[in-house]
N, C-alpha and C. Protein backbone atom coordinates (compact mmCIF):
# COMPACT_ATOMS: atom_id res chain seq x y z
N UNK A 1 14.95 6.81 -8.10
CA UNK A 1 14.89 5.82 -7.06
C UNK A 1 13.58 5.04 -7.19
N UNK A 2 13.52 3.91 -6.54
CA UNK A 2 12.35 3.05 -6.63
C UNK A 2 11.85 2.72 -5.22
N UNK A 3 10.54 2.81 -5.05
CA UNK A 3 9.92 2.41 -3.79
C UNK A 3 9.01 1.22 -4.07
N UNK A 4 9.20 0.16 -3.30
CA UNK A 4 8.38 -1.05 -3.44
C UNK A 4 7.73 -1.34 -2.10
N UNK A 5 6.45 -1.70 -2.14
CA UNK A 5 5.71 -2.02 -0.93
C UNK A 5 4.62 -3.03 -1.27
N UNK A 6 3.96 -3.58 -0.27
CA UNK A 6 2.89 -4.57 -0.45
C UNK A 6 1.60 -4.03 0.13
N UNK A 7 0.48 -4.29 -0.57
CA UNK A 7 -0.83 -3.78 -0.16
C UNK A 7 -1.84 -4.92 -0.17
N UNK A 8 -2.62 -5.01 0.90
CA UNK A 8 -3.77 -5.93 0.98
C UNK A 8 -5.01 -5.06 1.13
N UNK A 9 -5.82 -5.00 0.08
CA UNK A 9 -7.03 -4.17 0.10
C UNK A 9 -8.07 -4.76 1.04
N UNK A 10 -8.77 -3.89 1.73
CA UNK A 10 -9.89 -4.31 2.57
C UNK A 10 -11.09 -4.48 1.65
N UNK A 11 -11.65 -5.68 1.60
CA UNK A 11 -12.73 -6.00 0.67
C UNK A 11 -14.05 -5.33 1.01
N UNK A 12 -14.23 -4.95 2.27
CA UNK A 12 -15.48 -4.36 2.69
C UNK A 12 -15.36 -2.88 3.02
N UNK A 13 -14.15 -2.34 2.97
CA UNK A 13 -13.95 -0.97 3.41
C UNK A 13 -13.42 -0.05 2.34
N UNK A 14 -12.92 1.04 2.78
CA UNK A 14 -12.38 2.10 1.96
C UNK A 14 -10.91 1.81 1.61
N UNK A 15 -10.37 2.54 0.63
CA UNK A 15 -8.94 2.38 0.29
C UNK A 15 -8.05 2.65 1.50
N UNK A 16 -8.51 3.54 2.38
CA UNK A 16 -7.70 3.87 3.55
C UNK A 16 -7.65 2.75 4.56
N UNK A 17 -8.50 1.73 4.40
CA UNK A 17 -8.51 0.58 5.30
C UNK A 17 -7.55 -0.52 4.87
N UNK A 18 -6.86 -0.31 3.76
CA UNK A 18 -5.92 -1.31 3.26
C UNK A 18 -4.73 -1.44 4.22
N UNK A 19 -4.13 -2.61 4.21
CA UNK A 19 -2.92 -2.85 4.99
C UNK A 19 -1.73 -2.67 4.06
N UNK A 20 -0.75 -1.90 4.50
CA UNK A 20 0.45 -1.61 3.71
C UNK A 20 1.67 -2.02 4.53
N UNK A 21 2.62 -2.69 3.89
CA UNK A 21 3.82 -3.14 4.59
C UNK A 21 5.02 -3.17 3.63
N UNK A 22 6.21 -3.28 4.21
CA UNK A 22 7.44 -3.31 3.41
C UNK A 22 7.64 -4.63 2.69
N UNK A 23 7.20 -5.72 3.31
CA UNK A 23 7.40 -7.03 2.71
C UNK A 23 6.07 -7.79 2.65
N UNK A 24 6.01 -8.81 1.81
CA UNK A 24 4.81 -9.64 1.71
C UNK A 24 4.53 -10.33 3.04
N UNK A 25 5.60 -10.84 3.64
CA UNK A 25 5.44 -11.53 4.93
C UNK A 25 4.86 -10.59 5.98
N UNK A 26 5.39 -9.37 6.08
CA UNK A 26 4.87 -8.40 7.05
C UNK A 26 3.41 -8.08 6.76
N UNK A 27 3.05 -7.97 5.50
CA UNK A 27 1.67 -7.68 5.12
C UNK A 27 0.75 -8.83 5.57
N UNK A 28 1.18 -10.05 5.32
CA UNK A 28 0.39 -11.22 5.73
C UNK A 28 0.25 -11.28 7.25
N UNK A 29 1.30 -10.96 7.98
CA UNK A 29 1.24 -10.98 9.44
C UNK A 29 0.29 -9.90 9.97
N UNK A 30 0.29 -8.73 9.33
CA UNK A 30 -0.62 -7.66 9.74
C UNK A 30 -2.07 -8.05 9.47
N UNK A 31 -2.33 -8.75 8.38
CA UNK A 31 -3.69 -9.22 8.09
C UNK A 31 -4.17 -10.12 9.23
N UNK A 32 -3.32 -11.02 9.67
CA UNK A 32 -3.69 -11.93 10.76
C UNK A 32 -3.87 -11.18 12.09
N UNK A 33 -3.06 -10.16 12.31
CA UNK A 33 -3.11 -9.41 13.57
C UNK A 33 -4.27 -8.42 13.62
N UNK A 34 -4.63 -7.80 12.50
CA UNK A 34 -5.62 -6.72 12.49
C UNK A 34 -7.04 -7.18 12.25
N UNK A 35 -7.23 -8.34 11.69
CA UNK A 35 -8.59 -8.75 11.41
C UNK A 35 -8.66 -10.13 10.81
N UNK A 36 -9.80 -10.43 10.28
CA UNK A 36 -10.03 -11.73 9.65
C UNK A 36 -9.42 -11.75 8.26
N UNK A 37 -8.69 -12.80 7.92
CA UNK A 37 -8.12 -12.89 6.56
C UNK A 37 -9.18 -12.79 5.46
N UNK A 38 -10.42 -13.15 5.75
CA UNK A 38 -11.49 -13.06 4.76
C UNK A 38 -11.85 -11.61 4.43
N UNK A 39 -11.43 -10.65 5.28
CA UNK A 39 -11.74 -9.24 5.06
C UNK A 39 -10.77 -8.57 4.09
N UNK A 40 -9.67 -9.25 3.76
CA UNK A 40 -8.63 -8.64 2.94
C UNK A 40 -8.31 -9.45 1.69
N UNK A 41 -8.00 -8.75 0.62
CA UNK A 41 -7.52 -9.40 -0.60
C UNK A 41 -6.09 -9.86 -0.36
N UNK A 42 -5.60 -10.80 -1.16
CA UNK A 42 -4.20 -11.21 -1.03
C UNK A 42 -3.26 -10.02 -1.27
N UNK A 43 -2.11 -9.99 -0.60
CA UNK A 43 -1.16 -8.90 -0.79
C UNK A 43 -0.70 -8.79 -2.24
N UNK A 44 -0.57 -7.55 -2.70
CA UNK A 44 -0.14 -7.26 -4.06
C UNK A 44 1.09 -6.36 -3.98
N UNK A 45 2.10 -6.67 -4.77
CA UNK A 45 3.33 -5.88 -4.80
C UNK A 45 3.12 -4.64 -5.66
N UNK A 46 3.51 -3.47 -5.13
CA UNK A 46 3.41 -2.21 -5.85
C UNK A 46 4.79 -1.56 -5.87
N UNK A 47 5.11 -0.89 -6.97
CA UNK A 47 6.38 -0.17 -7.09
C UNK A 47 6.16 1.09 -7.92
N UNK A 48 6.96 2.09 -7.65
CA UNK A 48 6.97 3.27 -8.51
C UNK A 48 8.32 3.95 -8.40
N UNK A 49 8.62 4.74 -9.40
CA UNK A 49 9.89 5.46 -9.48
C UNK A 49 9.67 6.93 -9.10
N UNK A 50 10.67 7.50 -8.45
CA UNK A 50 10.64 8.92 -8.14
C UNK A 50 12.06 9.47 -8.24
N UNK A 51 12.16 10.77 -8.49
CA UNK A 51 13.46 11.41 -8.71
C UNK A 51 14.17 11.80 -7.41
N UNK A 52 13.43 12.43 -6.50
CA UNK A 52 14.02 12.91 -5.25
C UNK A 52 12.94 12.95 -4.17
N UNK A 53 13.29 13.40 -2.99
CA UNK A 53 12.36 13.41 -1.87
C UNK A 53 11.15 14.30 -2.16
N UNK A 54 11.38 15.45 -2.79
CA UNK A 54 10.25 16.32 -3.10
C UNK A 54 9.30 15.65 -4.09
N UNK A 55 9.83 14.96 -5.07
CA UNK A 55 9.01 14.23 -6.04
C UNK A 55 8.15 13.19 -5.31
N UNK A 56 8.74 12.47 -4.36
CA UNK A 56 8.01 11.49 -3.58
C UNK A 56 6.91 12.16 -2.75
N UNK A 57 7.23 13.27 -2.12
CA UNK A 57 6.25 14.03 -1.33
C UNK A 57 5.10 14.50 -2.21
N UNK A 58 5.43 15.02 -3.38
CA UNK A 58 4.40 15.49 -4.30
C UNK A 58 3.47 14.34 -4.71
N UNK A 59 4.03 13.18 -5.00
CA UNK A 59 3.22 12.03 -5.39
C UNK A 59 2.29 11.61 -4.25
N UNK A 60 2.80 11.58 -3.04
CA UNK A 60 2.03 11.10 -1.90
C UNK A 60 0.92 12.06 -1.49
N UNK A 61 1.07 13.33 -1.78
CA UNK A 61 0.09 14.31 -1.32
C UNK A 61 -0.82 14.82 -2.42
N UNK A 62 -0.63 14.37 -3.64
CA UNK A 62 -1.46 14.83 -4.74
C UNK A 62 -2.87 14.22 -4.64
N UNK A 63 -3.77 14.74 -5.43
CA UNK A 63 -5.15 14.27 -5.45
C UNK A 63 -5.18 12.76 -5.72
N UNK A 64 -6.04 12.05 -5.00
CA UNK A 64 -6.22 10.60 -5.14
C UNK A 64 -4.95 9.82 -4.86
N UNK A 65 -4.10 10.30 -3.97
CA UNK A 65 -2.89 9.57 -3.61
C UNK A 65 -1.73 9.79 -4.54
N UNK A 66 -1.88 10.67 -5.49
CA UNK A 66 -0.77 11.03 -6.36
C UNK A 66 -0.64 10.18 -7.60
N UNK A 67 0.27 10.58 -8.45
CA UNK A 67 0.54 9.89 -9.72
C UNK A 67 1.15 8.52 -9.44
N UNK A 68 0.54 7.49 -9.95
CA UNK A 68 1.13 6.17 -9.87
C UNK A 68 1.17 5.53 -8.50
N UNK A 69 0.48 6.08 -7.52
CA UNK A 69 0.54 5.54 -6.18
C UNK A 69 -0.63 4.61 -5.88
N UNK A 70 -1.51 4.41 -6.83
CA UNK A 70 -2.71 3.62 -6.56
C UNK A 70 -2.57 2.16 -6.81
């Protein structure tokens, strides 16, 4: 299976301060709602493949956000 999402990195903060959304439009709207657009990089599309729910769980909880999740 494939999971696709959009990420706008916080230019002044930590990776955990990034905005994550299902669509580019939603990501852009969250940037406007949560802070100044100058604080965030433009949204970037991310995708990765996983076999099953356990594989997805393992990726999400592994060290540094898991394999291929960065």
